[in-house]
């Protein structure tokens, strides 16, 4: 399991965005469209991966391609969360735990205060 945290991602994203040319023009609307596009690319990569596994003619994608698209999706989602002042790690833990409570499941994530 990776030791990367949402906090480390946010810090790196915030730092890199200060270097990114034109970032000052990226508002909530832009970030939302970016997230939708990146998650669409995840779907496309999974489809191409399944095509390869099933022997269907057409372009294909490796598991590494799928992982890269998933990473882009999470990075862009964190950028949107940052723009909106949302702590993505805390939001994920809170929602995960609410779902566990709703369905009477024992597994919980630690929630930060």
Protein backbone atom coordinates (compact mmCIF):
# COMPACT_ATOMS: atom_id res chain seq x y z
CA UNK A 1 0.00 0.00 0.00
CA UNK A 2 1.25 3.46 -0.88
CA UNK A 3 2.20 5.95 1.82
CA UNK A 4 1.05 8.95 -0.23
CA UNK A 5 -1.67 10.91 1.55
CA UNK A 6 -4.31 13.36 0.42
CA UNK A 7 -2.40 15.98 2.43
CA UNK A 8 0.81 15.32 0.53
CA UNK A 9 -1.07 15.46 -2.78
CA UNK A 10 -2.69 18.78 -1.83
CA UNK A 11 0.65 20.29 -0.84
CA UNK A 12 2.31 19.16 -4.07
CA UNK A 13 -0.67 20.27 -6.17
CA UNK A 14 -0.73 23.72 -4.54
CA UNK A 15 3.02 24.15 -5.03
CA UNK A 16 2.99 22.98 -8.64
CA UNK A 17 0.01 25.16 -9.52
CA UNK A 18 2.03 28.23 -8.51
CA UNK A 19 4.50 27.21 -11.25
CA UNK A 20 1.85 26.32 -13.87
CA UNK A 21 1.54 28.99 -16.61
CA UNK A 22 -2.03 30.32 -16.80
CA UNK A 23 -3.17 28.65 -13.57
CA UNK A 24 -4.62 31.95 -12.35
CA UNK A 25 -7.35 31.53 -15.00
CA UNK A 26 -8.40 28.07 -13.72
CA UNK A 27 -11.59 28.65 -11.72
CA UNK A 28 -14.19 26.26 -10.28
CA UNK A 29 -15.96 25.87 -13.64
CA UNK A 30 -12.68 25.02 -15.39
CA UNK A 31 -11.70 22.55 -12.67
CA UNK A 32 -15.13 20.87 -12.81
CA UNK A 33 -14.87 20.35 -16.56
CA UNK A 34 -11.31 19.09 -16.07
CA UNK A 35 -12.51 16.49 -13.53
CA UNK A 36 -15.29 15.30 -15.86
CA UNK A 37 -12.83 14.93 -18.71
CA UNK A 38 -10.30 13.03 -16.63
CA UNK A 39 -12.88 10.58 -15.29
CA UNK A 40 -14.10 10.08 -18.86
CA UNK A 41 -10.52 9.18 -19.79
CA UNK A 42 -10.52 6.56 -17.02
CA UNK A 43 -13.62 4.98 -18.56
CA UNK A 44 -12.06 5.03 -22.01
CA UNK A 45 -8.84 3.42 -20.74
CA UNK A 46 -10.77 0.67 -18.94
CA UNK A 47 -12.78 0.00 -22.12
CA UNK A 48 -9.55 -0.28 -24.13
CA UNK A 49 -8.03 -2.54 -21.48
CA UNK A 50 -11.08 -4.83 -21.61
CA UNK A 51 -10.84 -4.79 -25.40
CA UNK A 52 -7.28 -6.09 -25.12
CA UNK A 53 -8.26 -8.77 -22.58
CA UNK A 54 -11.22 -9.95 -24.65
CA UNK A 55 -9.46 -9.92 -28.00
CA UNK A 56 -11.74 -7.29 -29.51
CA UNK A 57 -10.26 -5.47 -32.50
CA UNK A 58 -9.33 -1.83 -31.91
CA UNK A 59 -6.97 0.29 -29.86
CA UNK A 60 -5.98 -1.08 -26.48
CA UNK A 61 -4.67 0.13 -23.14
CA UNK A 62 -2.41 -1.49 -20.57
CA UNK A 63 -3.04 -1.62 -16.82
CA UNK A 64 -0.39 1.09 -16.50
CA UNK A 65 -2.41 3.28 -18.90
CA UNK A 66 -5.50 2.74 -16.74
CA UNK A 67 -3.54 3.58 -13.57
CA UNK A 68 -2.17 6.76 -15.18
CA UNK A 69 -5.68 7.91 -16.07
CA UNK A 70 -6.92 7.13 -12.55
CA UNK A 71 -4.04 9.17 -11.14
CA UNK A 72 -4.89 12.11 -13.42
CA UNK A 73 -8.52 11.90 -12.26
CA UNK A 74 -7.57 12.01 -8.56
CA UNK A 75 -5.10 14.86 -9.14
CA UNK A 76 -7.72 16.92 -10.96
CA UNK A 77 -10.34 16.15 -8.29
CA UNK A 78 -7.95 17.40 -5.61
CA UNK A 79 -7.39 20.59 -7.62
CA UNK A 80 -11.15 21.17 -7.70
CA UNK A 81 -11.44 20.41 -3.98
CA UNK A 82 -8.64 22.89 -3.29
CA UNK A 83 -10.37 25.57 -5.37
CA UNK A 84 -13.54 25.00 -3.32
CA UNK A 85 -11.80 24.85 0.09
CA UNK A 86 -12.64 21.16 0.63
CA UNK A 87 -10.31 18.84 2.53
CA UNK A 88 -10.66 15.81 0.27
CA UNK A 89 -9.15 13.37 2.78
CA UNK A 90 -11.55 14.44 5.51
CA UNK A 91 -14.50 14.34 3.09
CA UNK A 92 -13.63 10.81 1.95
CA UNK A 93 -13.26 9.54 5.53
CA UNK A 94 -16.52 11.18 6.61
CA UNK A 95 -18.50 9.77 3.65
CA UNK A 96 -16.89 6.30 3.91
CA UNK A 97 -17.81 6.13 7.61
CA UNK A 98 -21.38 7.35 7.02
CA UNK A 99 -21.87 4.57 4.46
CA UNK A 100 -20.46 2.00 6.92
CA UNK A 101 -22.89 3.21 9.60
CA UNK A 102 -25.82 3.21 7.14
CA UNK A 103 -25.22 -0.42 6.20
CA UNK A 104 -24.13 -1.56 9.69
CA UNK A 105 -20.58 -2.35 8.58
CA UNK A 106 -17.65 -2.30 11.01
CA UNK A 107 -14.91 -0.90 8.76
CA UNK A 108 -14.16 2.78 9.39
CA UNK A 109 -11.49 5.27 8.33
CA UNK A 110 -9.87 7.54 10.92
CA UNK A 111 -11.34 11.03 10.74
CA UNK A 112 -9.05 13.98 11.32
CA UNK A 113 -10.19 16.80 13.54
